[in-house]
């Protein structure tokens, strides 16, 4: 039998919802990694300021899907194909209720419009595979994801994350906490990266009312080196963090005008 006569090999589509994430489903435009910012230490990006509309139909449907998944104990959760294109665009974060998905082993968020993942992902204790691939506005992850001790496989668009080794885009500048009493459940994401910070990323103790002590740390998470945002209760907890991944900034840092290792 010649090569021409051999039957064509069919490869499975690992992410069938990818068809929806291309021209059909809008992702909001992102200019965080413009050539100017990537090439200049003085042009560090800002956090995405998007605040989740908790009255949006997509958000309300996502809450229902999480409740369904928690109730039936499913091991795979891929909610976005259950939403319409516009509903998918309405989702810029995940609800804290993902903490209830303790049986989920595979979380697929392919082609999302997410700009942040909540720290409650650390409560998904059975998580083994995490796939937010082509979520191109998702530039960082919460340090709490390191609590997912079984997480062994990740599919992340690494060219879209801070500090990636391809061209070392800069990190947003983090500032120390001030003296102002804050509502820790209603933080400005443009300043803090998150809209809520209740417990320490390191020791799980309470965050002080003046806000978290923040740091960036690049670490291996499953199969990728990810930029992790730490919200700590004190400088002592920041000092207790492990070193960064080899080939990345070796210590926790505040981003901004900071020299990184050269691209590779």
Protein backbone atom coordinates (compact mmCIF):
# COMPACT_ATOMS: atom_id res chain seq x y z
CA UNK A 1 0.00 0.00 0.00
CA UNK A 2 1.43 3.39 -1.01
CA UNK A 3 1.42 6.50 1.17
CA UNK A 4 -1.39 7.87 -1.01
CA UNK A 5 -3.54 4.82 -0.22
CA UNK A 6 -3.03 4.96 3.53
CA UNK A 7 -6.07 6.22 5.46
CA UNK A 8 -5.70 9.74 6.79
CA UNK A 9 -4.84 9.85 10.48
CA UNK A 10 -7.41 11.68 12.55
CA UNK A 11 -6.18 13.58 15.59
CA UNK A 12 -8.63 14.30 18.39
CA UNK A 13 -9.52 17.93 19.07
CA UNK A 14 -8.41 18.35 22.65
CA UNK A 15 -10.31 21.62 23.01
CA UNK A 16 -13.47 21.47 20.87
CA UNK A 17 -14.58 24.86 22.21
CA UNK A 18 -11.57 26.45 20.52
CA UNK A 19 -13.74 27.01 17.46
CA UNK A 20 -15.81 29.38 19.58
CA UNK A 21 -12.78 31.27 20.86
CA UNK A 22 -11.60 32.46 17.45
CA UNK A 23 -13.48 34.99 15.33
CA UNK A 24 -16.86 34.05 16.77
CA UNK A 25 -16.22 34.97 20.41
CA UNK A 26 -14.84 38.41 21.18
CA UNK A 27 -11.98 38.82 23.59
CA UNK A 28 -11.44 42.39 24.66
CA UNK A 29 -8.29 43.92 23.20
CA UNK A 30 -5.20 44.07 25.35
CA UNK A 31 -2.19 46.34 24.86
CA UNK A 32 -0.27 45.37 28.00
CA UNK A 33 2.54 43.83 25.98
CA UNK A 34 3.02 46.56 23.39
CA UNK A 35 6.56 46.71 21.93
CA UNK A 36 7.28 49.95 23.84
CA UNK A 37 6.41 48.42 27.20
CA UNK A 38 8.30 45.23 26.53
CA UNK A 39 11.45 47.08 25.50
CA UNK A 40 11.45 49.76 28.22
CA UNK A 41 12.01 49.31 31.92
CA UNK A 42 10.16 52.58 32.51
CA UNK A 43 6.95 51.49 30.75
CA UNK A 44 5.68 48.74 33.02
CA UNK A 45 2.04 47.82 32.42
CA UNK A 46 -0.84 48.46 34.77
CA UNK A 47 -3.21 45.80 36.03
CA UNK A 48 -6.42 45.36 34.10
CA UNK A 49 -9.02 47.49 35.85
CA UNK A 50 -12.04 45.40 34.79
CA UNK A 51 -14.57 44.79 37.57
CA UNK A 52 -16.87 41.83 37.21
CA UNK A 53 -20.50 42.69 36.52
CA UNK A 54 -22.23 40.33 38.93
CA UNK A 55 -25.60 41.01 37.29
CA UNK A 56 -24.45 39.95 33.82
CA UNK A 57 -26.25 36.90 32.38
CA UNK A 58 -22.93 35.14 31.77
CA UNK A 59 -21.91 35.55 35.42
CA UNK A 60 -25.25 34.30 36.72
CA UNK A 61 -25.08 31.27 34.42
CA UNK A 62 -21.52 30.55 35.54
CA UNK A 63 -22.67 30.55 39.18
CA UNK A 64 -25.30 27.97 38.24
CA UNK A 65 -22.77 25.80 36.43
CA UNK A 66 -20.46 25.82 39.44
CA UNK A 67 -23.32 24.80 41.73
CA UNK A 68 -24.21 21.96 39.35
CA UNK A 69 -20.62 20.76 39.20
CA UNK A 70 -20.24 20.90 42.98
CA UNK A 71 -23.49 18.97 43.46
CA UNK A 72 -22.71 16.14 41.06
CA UNK A 73 -19.03 15.85 41.99
CA UNK A 74 -17.80 15.93 38.41
CA UNK A 75 -14.10 15.59 37.75
CA UNK A 76 -13.93 17.81 34.67
CA UNK A 77 -15.21 21.38 34.56
CA UNK A 78 -15.24 23.32 31.28
CA UNK A 79 -17.97 25.94 31.69
CA UNK A 80 -17.36 28.30 28.78
CA UNK A 81 -18.91 26.15 26.00
CA UNK A 82 -22.15 26.33 28.03
CA UNK A 83 -22.26 30.11 27.53
CA UNK A 84 -23.13 32.17 24.48
CA UNK A 85 -20.32 34.19 22.83
CA UNK A 86 -21.40 37.42 24.52
CA UNK A 87 -21.87 35.67 27.89
CA UNK A 88 -18.32 34.37 27.66
CA UNK A 89 -17.04 37.87 27.06
CA UNK A 90 -18.81 39.04 30.24
CA UNK A 91 -16.64 36.79 32.45
CA UNK A 92 -13.45 38.58 33.58
CA UNK A 93 -12.83 36.50 36.71
CA UNK A 94 -14.15 33.36 38.36
CA UNK A 95 -16.42 33.34 41.41
CA UNK A 96 -15.00 32.50 44.85
CA UNK A 97 -17.42 29.56 44.81
CA UNK A 98 -14.91 27.59 42.71
CA UNK A 99 -13.58 26.61 46.15
CA UNK A 100 -16.48 24.13 46.23
CA UNK A 101 -15.15 22.21 43.23
CA UNK A 102 -13.03 19.89 45.34
CA UNK A 103 -13.66 16.87 43.07
CA UNK A 104 -12.63 18.61 39.84
CA UNK A 105 -9.43 17.20 38.38
CA UNK A 106 -9.49 19.09 35.04
CA UNK A 107 -10.33 22.79 34.68
CA UNK A 108 -10.56 24.07 31.08
CA UNK A 109 -10.92 27.80 30.40
CA UNK A 110 -9.80 27.80 26.78
CA UNK A 111 -10.13 31.15 24.98
CA UNK A 112 -11.58 33.05 27.93
CA UNK A 113 -11.78 36.82 28.46
CA UNK A 114 -10.40 36.43 32.00
CA UNK A 115 -8.07 39.03 33.49
CA UNK A 116 -7.64 37.34 36.87
CA UNK A 117 -8.15 34.06 38.73
CA UNK A 118 -9.33 34.27 42.36
CA UNK A 119 -7.20 32.84 45.18
CA UNK A 120 -9.95 30.29 45.88
CA UNK A 121 -8.47 28.15 43.12
CA UNK A 122 -6.11 26.94 45.84
CA UNK A 123 -9.08 25.14 47.44
CA UNK A 124 -9.55 22.93 44.36
CA UNK A 125 -7.51 20.24 46.06
CA UNK A 126 -8.07 17.53 43.43
CA UNK A 127 -6.97 19.71 40.49
CA UNK A 128 -4.52 17.90 38.21
CA UNK A 129 -4.87 19.71 34.88
CA UNK A 130 -5.35 23.45 34.34
CA UNK A 131 -5.89 24.76 30.80
CA UNK A 132 -6.56 28.49 30.32
CA UNK A 133 -4.85 28.37 26.91
CA UNK A 134 -5.38 31.38 24.60
CA UNK A 135 -6.77 33.46 27.48
CA UNK A 136 -4.58 36.28 26.28
CA UNK A 137 -5.62 38.87 28.86
CA UNK A 138 -4.63 36.56 31.71
CA UNK A 139 -1.10 37.76 32.55
CA UNK A 140 -0.61 36.42 36.08
CA UNK A 141 -1.96 33.90 38.62
CA UNK A 142 -2.57 33.94 42.38
CA UNK A 143 0.13 32.41 44.56
CA UNK A 144 -2.59 30.24 46.10
CA UNK A 145 -2.52 28.01 43.02
CA UNK A 146 0.63 26.46 44.53
CA UNK A 147 -1.67 24.83 47.12
CA UNK A 148 -3.02 22.54 44.38
CA UNK A 149 -0.58 19.80 45.29
CA UNK A 150 -1.81 17.38 42.60
CA UNK A 151 -1.55 19.87 39.74
CA UNK A 152 0.76 18.23 37.21
CA UNK A 153 -0.28 19.50 33.77
CA UNK A 154 -0.91 23.06 32.59
CA UNK A 155 -1.59 24.61 29.20
CA UNK A 156 -0.99 28.35 29.44
CA UNK A 157 -0.32 30.94 26.73
CA UNK A 158 3.07 31.77 28.20
CA UNK A 159 3.75 34.56 25.69
CA UNK A 160 0.92 36.46 27.42
CA UNK A 161 2.30 36.33 30.96
CA UNK A 162 4.56 38.76 32.81
CA UNK A 163 8.25 37.96 32.78
CA UNK A 164 7.99 35.13 30.24
CA UNK A 165 11.36 33.93 29.03
CA UNK A 166 10.66 34.67 25.36
CA UNK A 167 10.91 38.45 25.67
CA UNK A 168 10.63 39.33 29.40
CA UNK A 169 7.64 41.72 29.46
CA UNK A 170 7.73 43.82 32.64
CA UNK A 171 5.56 43.34 35.71
CA UNK A 172 3.16 45.98 37.07
CA UNK A 173 4.65 48.04 39.87
CA UNK A 174 3.48 46.93 43.32
CA UNK A 175 3.37 49.45 46.15
CA UNK A 176 3.69 48.79 49.88
CA UNK A 177 0.52 49.05 52.00
CA UNK A 178 -0.25 52.52 53.29
CA UNK A 179 -1.93 53.85 56.41
CA UNK A 180 -5.48 54.03 55.04
CA UNK A 181 -8.10 51.58 56.30
CA UNK A 182 -9.47 49.68 53.31
CA UNK A 183 -12.50 47.61 52.47
CA UNK A 184 -10.70 44.36 51.74
CA UNK A 185 -13.72 43.05 49.84
CA UNK A 186 -13.78 46.03 47.48
CA UNK A 187 -10.23 46.79 46.41
CA UNK A 188 -9.39 48.72 43.25
CA UNK A 189 -8.02 46.13 40.81
CA UNK A 190 -6.02 48.79 38.97
CA UNK A 191 -4.01 49.29 42.18
CA UNK A 192 -4.02 45.86 43.80
CA UNK A 193 -4.59 43.52 40.85
CA UNK A 194 -7.49 41.96 42.70
CA UNK A 195 -10.85 43.12 44.03
CA UNK A 196 -10.59 41.26 47.34
CA UNK A 197 -7.81 40.12 49.67
CA UNK A 198 -9.01 38.52 52.88
CA UNK A 199 -6.42 35.92 53.82
CA UNK A 200 -2.65 35.72 53.48
CA UNK A 201 -1.36 33.83 50.45
CA UNK A 202 1.41 32.36 52.61
CA UNK A 203 0.07 31.59 56.10
CA UNK A 204 -3.72 31.96 55.47
CA UNK A 205 -3.97 34.46 58.35
CA UNK A 206 -6.03 37.66 58.03
CA UNK A 207 -4.84 40.52 55.85
CA UNK A 208 -4.44 43.80 57.81
CA UNK A 209 -7.01 46.51 57.17
CA UNK A 210 -4.33 48.69 55.54
CA UNK A 211 -4.03 46.15 52.73
CA UNK A 212 -1.79 43.25 51.72
CA UNK A 213 1.97 43.19 51.50
CA UNK A 214 2.41 42.28 47.83
CA UNK A 215 5.16 40.65 45.82
CA UNK A 216 5.73 38.93 42.50
CA UNK A 217 7.34 35.51 42.33
CA UNK A 218 7.87 33.36 39.23
CA UNK A 219 7.65 29.68 40.05
CA UNK A 220 7.13 26.35 38.30
CA UNK A 221 3.45 25.39 38.49
CA UNK A 222 2.79 22.05 36.83
CA UNK A 223 4.46 22.33 33.40
CA UNK A 224 4.90 26.10 33.18
CA UNK A 225 6.74 28.88 35.00
CA UNK A 226 4.00 31.29 36.04
CA UNK A 227 4.14 34.81 37.48
CA UNK A 228 2.41 34.60 40.86
CA UNK A 229 0.96 37.51 42.81
CA UNK A 230 1.42 37.13 46.56
CA UNK A 231 -0.93 38.95 48.94
CA UNK A 232 0.70 38.52 52.34
CA UNK A 233 -0.30 39.64 55.80
CA UNK A 234 3.20 40.85 56.69
CA UNK A 235 6.74 41.35 55.48
CA UNK A 236 7.67 38.28 57.53
CA UNK A 237 5.46 36.13 55.29
CA UNK A 238 7.06 37.64 52.19
CA UNK A 239 10.46 36.81 53.66
CA UNK A 240 9.33 33.19 54.09
CA UNK A 241 8.63 32.70 50.37
CA UNK A 242 10.77 30.22 48.43
CA UNK A 243 13.16 31.40 45.71
CA UNK A 244 12.00 32.06 42.16
CA UNK A 245 12.39 29.58 39.32
CA UNK A 246 15.80 29.11 37.72
CA UNK A 247 16.34 31.63 34.94
CA UNK A 248 13.89 34.15 36.45
CA UNK A 249 14.22 36.87 39.07
CA UNK A 250 15.43 34.79 42.02
CA UNK A 251 13.67 36.63 44.85
CA UNK A 252 10.20 38.09 45.47
CA UNK A 253 9.99 41.58 43.99
CA UNK A 254 7.65 44.52 43.40
CA UNK A 255 7.97 44.70 39.62
CA UNK A 256 8.13 48.01 37.79
CA UNK A 257 11.52 49.27 36.57
CA UNK A 258 13.35 46.06 37.37
CA UNK A 259 15.99 44.37 35.24
CA UNK A 260 15.15 40.76 34.38
CA UNK A 261 17.37 37.99 33.03
CA UNK A 262 17.82 38.24 29.26
CA UNK A 263 15.29 36.51 26.98
CA UNK A 264 16.11 33.00 25.82
